[in-house]
Amino acid sequence: MKLATYKDGSRDGQLVVVSRDLASAHYATHAAHRLQQALDDWNFIAPQLQDLYDALNAERARHAFPFDPRQCMAPLPRASHWAVAQAWEHGLEPAEAADPGFRQAAGDSLSGPCDPLVLAAEPLQMDFGAGLAVVTGDLPQRASPAQALDGVRLLLLANAVQLQASGLSAVQRLAATAFGPVAVTPDELGEAWAQGRVGLALQTSWNGRRVGIADADQDMRWPFGELIAHLCATRGLHSGSIVGAGTVRQRGVEAGKRRDWPKGYHAIADKRAFEQAQDGEARTAFLRLGDTVRIEMKGSDGHSLFGAIEQEVVAPGGADAKPSGGFAPVQ
């Protein structure tokens, strides 16, 4: 099934069930007002949501309405735990198989799919980062990768925005993360969800030009089961924890005397690394005011799986922007 959270003036929004084709939706208030409620009592509430989902797809839901991604918050607007790893490699860095490179990110105010990207100053070097994440149920300490996969409740499309300027601490670099309009249960992916990997193509466009299309299961050296188990090595996870796999990358191919990346990139920093490796100089600039980013993944039927993330870079206060994090320009 597919779930979203509609804006209602509160911090947690209203849970809605969305049809498979993303055309219609229905409030889920009979079962749960917020997604976190459903996650906390999943075995009881999920079947009720599934019944509504089935009715919606069969056009039998009496109070359905057209689904509008612009009214969406992040599917889970606030998460008690949000950690992002580096599960893919592009062949430019030595693989460190012992550590997936997790970073703790801010989960107190996650962004919706159409929320603006607030850039206080261009010298901060804002970058997009297209990838995937999962939402878990309760998991015990020392959960195995198999147990971890059993605990995956939902999958998410993510844009983990980073600030690449020097002079920022690690925690300051992780700016707001935006998520696709809907969260989907693993069964919606069918055979494309296998062994903790998603075998579908991720598409990223920058200013209307597609810059990356990559098979998300290729070159993923840390599947989700292993990522979650890594987090559970010394403590458990509570329901509603979000685990991100990081920016999708591809290793590239040998083209004559140089390495090439024909499937493009899903972060500007990766594009700059390619340029540095090929030509000895990084030329591509980071995001500027007015730039747009679109991220989407389509299912095996060719239809959008999560809906699209569509964001524009704005100055603080522009386009009804949320308050920025208060970063001063880097000198």
Protein backbone atom coordinates (compact mmCIF):
# COMPACT_ATOMS: atom_id res chain seq x y z
CA MET A 1 0.00 0.00 0.00
CA LYS A 2 0.94 3.65 -0.32
CA LEU A 3 0.70 6.17 2.51
CA ALA A 4 1.17 9.94 2.66
CA THR A 5 0.80 12.75 5.17
CA TYR A 6 -1.28 15.79 4.27
CA LYS A 7 -0.66 19.25 5.68
CA ASP A 8 -3.21 20.32 8.29
CA GLY A 9 -1.38 23.08 10.16
CA SER A 10 0.13 20.71 12.73
CA ARG A 11 3.66 19.34 12.90
CA ASP A 12 2.61 15.77 12.17
CA GLY A 13 -0.14 16.24 9.58
CA GLN A 14 -2.94 13.84 8.66
CA LEU A 15 -2.35 10.30 7.45
CA VAL A 16 -3.90 9.48 4.07
CA VAL A 17 -3.98 6.30 2.02
CA VAL A 18 -3.08 6.85 -1.65
CA SER A 19 -4.12 4.73 -4.63
CA ARG A 20 -1.52 2.70 -6.50
CA ASP A 21 -1.66 5.07 -9.50
CA LEU A 22 -1.30 8.12 -7.21
CA ALA A 23 -4.54 9.55 -8.61
CA SER A 24 -6.72 9.50 -5.50
CA ALA A 25 -6.46 9.47 -1.73
CA HIS A 26 -8.57 8.97 1.38
CA TYR A 27 -8.08 10.12 4.96
CA ALA A 28 -7.20 7.25 7.29
CA THR A 29 -8.75 8.74 10.42
CA HIS A 30 -10.83 5.61 11.07
CA ALA A 31 -7.57 3.74 11.71
CA ALA A 32 -4.91 6.34 12.59
CA HIS A 33 -4.54 10.11 12.44
CA ARG A 34 -0.75 10.06 12.02
CA LEU A 35 1.70 7.66 10.44
CA GLN A 36 3.61 7.24 13.70
CA GLN A 37 0.42 5.91 15.30
CA ALA A 38 0.19 3.26 12.62
CA LEU A 39 3.84 2.31 13.01
CA ASP A 40 3.50 1.97 16.78
CA ASP A 41 0.64 -0.54 16.41
CA TRP A 42 1.39 -1.87 12.93
CA ASN A 43 -0.02 -5.38 13.25
CA PHE A 44 -3.42 -4.01 14.27
CA ILE A 45 -3.64 -0.86 12.14
CA ALA A 46 -1.93 -1.94 8.90
CA PRO A 47 -4.72 -4.40 7.93
CA GLN A 48 -7.26 -1.59 8.28
CA LEU A 49 -5.17 0.65 6.05
CA GLN A 50 -4.79 -2.21 3.57
CA ASP A 51 -8.58 -2.63 3.39
CA LEU A 52 -8.95 1.07 2.59
CA TYR A 53 -6.15 0.83 0.02
CA ASP A 54 -7.89 -2.07 -1.71
CA ALA A 55 -11.18 -0.15 -1.76
CA LEU A 56 -9.43 2.92 -3.14
CA ASN A 57 -7.83 0.95 -5.97
CA ALA A 58 -11.19 -0.63 -6.79
CA GLU A 59 -12.84 2.84 -6.78
CA ARG A 60 -15.10 1.78 -3.91
CA ALA A 61 -13.89 4.31 -1.33
CA ARG A 62 -16.83 6.65 -0.69
CA HIS A 63 -14.93 9.77 0.34
CA ALA A 64 -11.91 9.64 -1.96
CA PHE A 65 -10.46 12.84 -3.38
CA PRO A 66 -7.81 13.70 -6.00
CA PHE A 67 -4.30 13.24 -4.62
CA ASP A 68 -2.15 16.39 -4.68
CA PRO A 69 1.58 15.94 -3.88
CA ARG A 70 1.87 19.67 -3.22
CA GLN A 71 -0.23 19.19 -0.09
CA CYS A 72 2.13 16.55 1.27
CA MET A 73 4.51 16.79 4.16
CA ALA A 74 7.19 14.14 4.47
CA PRO A 75 5.37 10.82 4.93
CA LEU A 76 6.84 10.74 8.45
CA PRO A 77 7.35 14.43 9.27
CA ARG A 78 9.22 13.77 12.52
CA ALA A 79 11.39 10.74 13.18
CA SER A 80 12.92 9.72 16.49
CA HIS A 81 15.92 8.37 14.60
CA TRP A 82 17.24 9.36 11.15
CA ALA A 83 20.61 8.00 10.07
CA VAL A 84 22.08 7.96 6.58
CA ALA A 85 24.87 5.69 5.31
CA GLN A 86 27.05 5.49 2.21
CA ALA A 87 25.87 2.20 0.74
CA TRP A 88 27.00 2.74 -2.86
CA GLU A 89 30.44 3.21 -4.36
CA HIS A 90 31.51 4.91 -7.59
CA GLY A 91 34.98 3.44 -7.88
CA LEU A 92 36.92 6.57 -6.96
CA GLU A 93 37.37 5.73 -3.29
CA PRO A 94 38.71 2.56 -1.66
CA ALA A 95 35.90 0.34 -0.41
CA GLU A 96 35.86 0.05 3.38
CA ALA A 97 33.71 -3.03 3.82
CA ALA A 98 33.84 -2.85 7.61
CA ASP A 99 31.91 0.40 7.93
CA PRO A 100 28.94 1.79 5.95
CA GLY A 101 29.82 5.34 6.98
CA PHE A 102 26.67 6.23 8.91
CA ARG A 103 25.96 9.83 9.87
CA GLN A 104 23.28 10.96 12.28
CA ALA A 105 20.94 13.48 10.66
CA ALA A 106 18.24 15.78 12.02
CA GLY A 107 14.87 14.03 12.17
CA ASP A 108 12.88 16.70 13.98
CA SER A 109 11.56 18.49 10.87
CA LEU A 110 11.76 16.48 7.66
CA SER A 111 10.72 18.20 4.44
CA GLY A 112 7.92 17.40 2.03
CA PRO A 113 8.40 16.66 -1.68
CA CYS A 114 7.67 20.19 -2.87
CA ASP A 115 9.13 22.18 0.01
CA PRO A 116 11.72 24.74 -1.13
CA LEU A 117 15.44 24.27 -0.62
CA VAL A 118 16.40 27.27 1.49
CA LEU A 119 19.89 28.53 0.67
CA ALA A 120 21.15 31.30 2.93
CA ALA A 121 24.19 31.99 0.73
CA GLU A 122 25.58 30.36 -2.41
CA PRO A 123 29.09 30.00 -0.89
CA LEU A 124 27.57 27.29 1.33
CA GLN A 125 27.62 25.10 -1.81
CA MET A 126 24.27 23.33 -1.52
CA ASP A 127 24.09 19.89 -3.13
CA PHE A 128 21.26 17.43 -3.76
CA GLY A 129 21.59 13.74 -2.90
CA ALA A 130 19.06 11.37 -4.47
CA GLY A 131 18.60 8.06 -2.72
CA LEU A 132 16.38 5.65 -0.83
CA ALA A 133 15.48 5.06 2.79
CA VAL A 134 13.36 2.69 4.86
CA VAL A 135 11.15 3.10 7.92
CA THR A 136 11.42 0.36 10.52
CA GLY A 137 9.27 -1.13 13.22
CA ASP A 138 10.69 -1.99 16.64
CA LEU A 139 13.92 -3.98 16.35
CA PRO A 140 15.98 -5.52 19.15
CA GLN A 141 19.63 -5.02 19.90
CA ARG A 142 21.81 -7.37 17.82
CA ALA A 143 19.10 -7.96 15.23
CA SER A 144 20.39 -10.02 12.31
CA PRO A 145 20.16 -8.75 8.71
CA ALA A 146 17.23 -11.12 8.14
CA GLN A 147 15.43 -9.83 11.24
CA ALA A 148 16.19 -6.29 10.14
CA LEU A 149 14.55 -6.84 6.75
CA ASP A 150 11.50 -8.34 8.44
CA GLY A 151 11.28 -5.10 10.41
CA VAL A 152 11.11 -2.87 7.31
CA ARG A 153 7.66 -1.33 7.20
CA LEU A 154 7.97 1.26 4.43
CA LEU A 155 10.33 2.47 1.72
CA LEU A 156 10.96 6.14 0.93
CA LEU A 157 12.44 8.25 -1.87
CA ALA A 158 14.88 10.78 -0.41
CA ASN A 159 16.80 13.93 -1.25
CA ALA A 160 19.44 14.22 1.46
CA VAL A 161 20.64 17.78 0.92
CA GLN A 162 24.18 18.62 1.98
CA LEU A 163 26.25 21.78 2.23
CA GLN A 164 29.69 21.12 0.75
CA ALA A 165 31.54 24.31 1.76
CA SER A 166 34.67 24.03 3.84
CA GLY A 167 34.46 25.38 7.37
CA LEU A 168 31.23 23.61 8.29
CA SER A 169 31.11 20.89 10.89
CA ALA A 170 29.80 17.44 10.01
CA VAL A 171 26.44 18.15 11.63
CA GLN A 172 26.09 21.49 9.82
CA ARG A 173 26.71 19.87 6.45
CA LEU A 174 23.57 17.76 6.68
CA ALA A 175 20.86 20.22 5.72
CA ALA A 176 17.15 19.43 5.46
CA THR A 177 16.16 16.08 3.95
CA ALA A 178 13.11 15.88 1.70
CA PHE A 179 11.11 12.75 1.01
CA GLY A 180 8.85 11.69 -1.84
CA PRO A 181 5.08 12.18 -1.48
CA VAL A 182 4.27 8.59 -0.56
CA ALA A 183 5.82 5.83 1.50
CA VAL A 184 5.27 2.35 0.09
CA THR A 185 5.17 -1.08 1.67
CA PRO A 186 7.77 -3.52 0.32
CA ASP A 187 5.15 -5.71 -1.37
CA GLU A 188 4.34 -2.84 -3.76
CA LEU A 189 7.74 -3.36 -5.41
CA GLY A 190 7.14 -7.04 -6.16
CA GLU A 191 10.28 -8.79 -7.39
CA ALA A 192 12.11 -5.45 -7.53
CA TRP A 193 12.53 -5.67 -3.74
CA ALA A 194 15.03 -8.48 -3.21
CA GLN A 195 17.60 -9.11 -0.47
CA GLY A 196 17.35 -5.57 0.83
CA ARG A 197 17.93 -3.90 -2.53
CA VAL A 198 15.60 -2.08 -4.92
CA GLY A 199 16.01 -3.22 -8.52
CA LEU A 200 14.55 -0.14 -10.19
CA ALA A 201 16.01 2.91 -11.91
CA LEU A 202 16.38 6.18 -10.01
CA GLN A 203 16.03 9.31 -12.16
CA THR A 204 17.41 12.72 -11.21
CA SER A 205 16.89 15.96 -13.15
CA TRP A 206 18.52 19.33 -12.51
CA ASN A 207 16.95 22.44 -14.05
CA GLY A 208 14.80 20.26 -16.28
CA ARG A 209 17.72 18.22 -17.65
CA ARG A 210 18.10 14.60 -16.64
CA VAL A 211 21.55 14.18 -15.13
CA GLY A 212 21.30 10.67 -13.72
CA ILE A 213 19.49 7.39 -14.27
CA ALA A 214 20.92 4.46 -12.34
CA ASP A 215 19.80 0.99 -11.31
CA ALA A 216 19.55 1.31 -7.55
CA ASP A 217 20.54 -2.29 -6.82
CA GLN A 218 23.83 -2.13 -8.73
CA ASP A 219 27.03 -1.32 -6.84
CA MET A 220 25.12 -1.25 -3.52
CA ARG A 221 27.63 -2.98 -1.30
CA TRP A 222 25.53 -2.50 1.86
CA PRO A 223 21.92 -3.71 1.39
CA PHE A 224 19.29 -2.44 3.81
CA GLY A 225 19.29 -5.56 5.99
CA GLU A 226 22.99 -5.11 6.72
CA LEU A 227 22.63 -1.36 7.21
CA ILE A 228 19.89 -1.78 9.80
CA ALA A 229 21.74 -4.63 11.53
CA HIS A 230 24.80 -2.38 11.78
CA LEU A 231 22.73 0.21 13.66
CA CYS A 232 21.30 -2.50 15.92
CA ALA A 233 24.69 -3.91 16.86
CA THR A 234 24.77 -2.10 20.21
CA ARG A 235 21.16 -0.94 20.70
CA GLY A 236 17.66 -1.51 19.41
CA LEU A 237 15.61 0.71 17.11
CA HIS A 238 12.14 2.02 17.86
CA SER A 239 9.26 2.07 15.38
CA GLY A 240 9.47 5.06 13.07
CA SER A 241 13.26 4.97 12.75
CA ILE A 242 14.39 6.05 9.27
CA VAL A 243 17.50 4.43 7.80
CA GLY A 244 18.90 5.98 4.63
CA ALA A 245 21.30 4.28 2.24
CA GLY A 246 22.81 7.54 0.97
CA THR A 247 23.24 8.88 -2.55
CA VAL A 248 22.87 6.28 -5.30
CA ARG A 249 26.13 5.84 -7.19
CA GLN A 250 27.57 3.71 -10.00
CA ARG A 251 31.19 2.62 -10.36
CA GLY A 252 31.60 3.78 -13.93
CA VAL A 253 33.18 1.96 -16.85
CA GLU A 254 36.55 2.02 -18.55
CA ALA A 255 36.42 4.05 -21.78
CA GLY A 256 39.78 3.90 -23.49
CA LYS A 257 42.36 5.39 -21.16
CA ARG A 258 39.83 6.99 -18.85
CA ARG A 259 36.90 6.04 -16.67
CA ASP A 260 33.44 7.26 -17.63
CA TRP A 261 30.07 7.37 -15.86
CA PRO A 262 27.50 6.99 -18.66
CA LYS A 263 24.55 6.75 -16.26
CA GLY A 264 25.25 10.16 -14.81
CA TYR A 265 25.12 11.28 -11.19
CA HIS A 266 22.71 11.88 -8.31
CA ALA A 267 24.80 14.43 -6.41
CA ILE A 268 26.83 17.34 -7.73
CA ALA A 269 29.76 16.33 -5.53
CA ASP A 270 29.96 13.06 -7.46
CA LYS A 271 29.90 14.90 -10.78
CA ARG A 272 32.76 17.08 -9.59
CA ALA A 273 34.69 13.99 -8.48
CA PHE A 274 34.22 12.52 -11.97
CA GLU A 275 35.53 15.72 -13.55
CA GLN A 276 38.52 15.77 -11.22
CA ALA A 277 39.34 12.16 -12.11
CA GLN A 278 38.91 12.69 -15.86
CA ASP A 279 40.33 16.17 -16.42
CA GLY A 280 42.10 17.14 -13.22
CA GLU A 281 39.61 19.93 -12.54
CA ALA A 282 36.09 20.11 -11.07
CA ARG A 283 34.05 22.55 -13.16
CA THR A 284 30.39 22.01 -12.27
CA ALA A 285 29.05 24.55 -9.77
CA PHE A 286 26.78 23.65 -6.88
CA LEU A 287 23.12 24.69 -6.61
CA ARG A 288 22.22 28.33 -7.15
CA LEU A 289 19.11 30.34 -6.32
CA GLY A 290 16.34 29.48 -8.76
CA ASP A 291 17.67 26.00 -9.57
CA THR A 292 15.21 23.11 -9.56
CA VAL A 293 15.72 19.45 -8.67
CA ARG A 294 13.42 16.55 -9.55
CA ILE A 295 13.90 12.98 -8.28
CA GLU A 296 11.69 10.04 -9.20
CA MET A 297 11.64 6.25 -9.38
CA LYS A 298 9.26 4.32 -11.62
CA GLY A 299 7.99 0.81 -11.04
CA SER A 300 8.19 -2.10 -13.44
CA ASP A 301 4.86 -0.93 -14.90
CA GLY A 302 6.39 2.42 -15.85
CA HIS A 303 4.35 4.40 -13.34
CA SER A 304 5.82 6.56 -10.59
CA LEU A 305 6.34 4.49 -7.46
CA PHE A 306 6.77 7.15 -4.75
CA GLY A 307 5.68 10.22 -6.68
CA ALA A 308 8.32 12.83 -7.46
CA ILE A 309 10.41 15.12 -5.29
CA GLU A 310 10.31 18.54 -6.99
CA GLN A 311 12.13 21.36 -5.23
CA GLU A 312 13.36 24.85 -6.03
CA VAL A 313 16.29 26.63 -4.41
CA VAL A 314 15.14 29.86 -2.73
CA ALA A 315 16.54 32.51 -0.43
CA PRO A 316 15.34 32.59 3.20
CA GLY A 317 11.75 33.81 3.25
CA GLY A 318 11.20 33.07 -0.44
CA ALA A 319 8.34 30.92 -1.80
CA ASP A 320 6.85 30.44 1.67
CA ALA A 321 10.10 28.87 2.80
CA LYS A 322 10.45 27.35 6.21
CA PRO A 323 12.91 29.14 8.53
CA SER A 324 16.48 28.37 7.58
CA GLY A 325 19.00 26.85 9.94
CA GLY A 326 20.65 30.23 10.47
CA PHE A 327 23.94 29.47 8.73
CA ALA A 328 26.14 32.45 8.13
CA PRO A 329 27.94 32.77 4.78
CA VAL A 330 31.29 31.02 4.74
CA GLN A 331 34.14 33.48 4.58
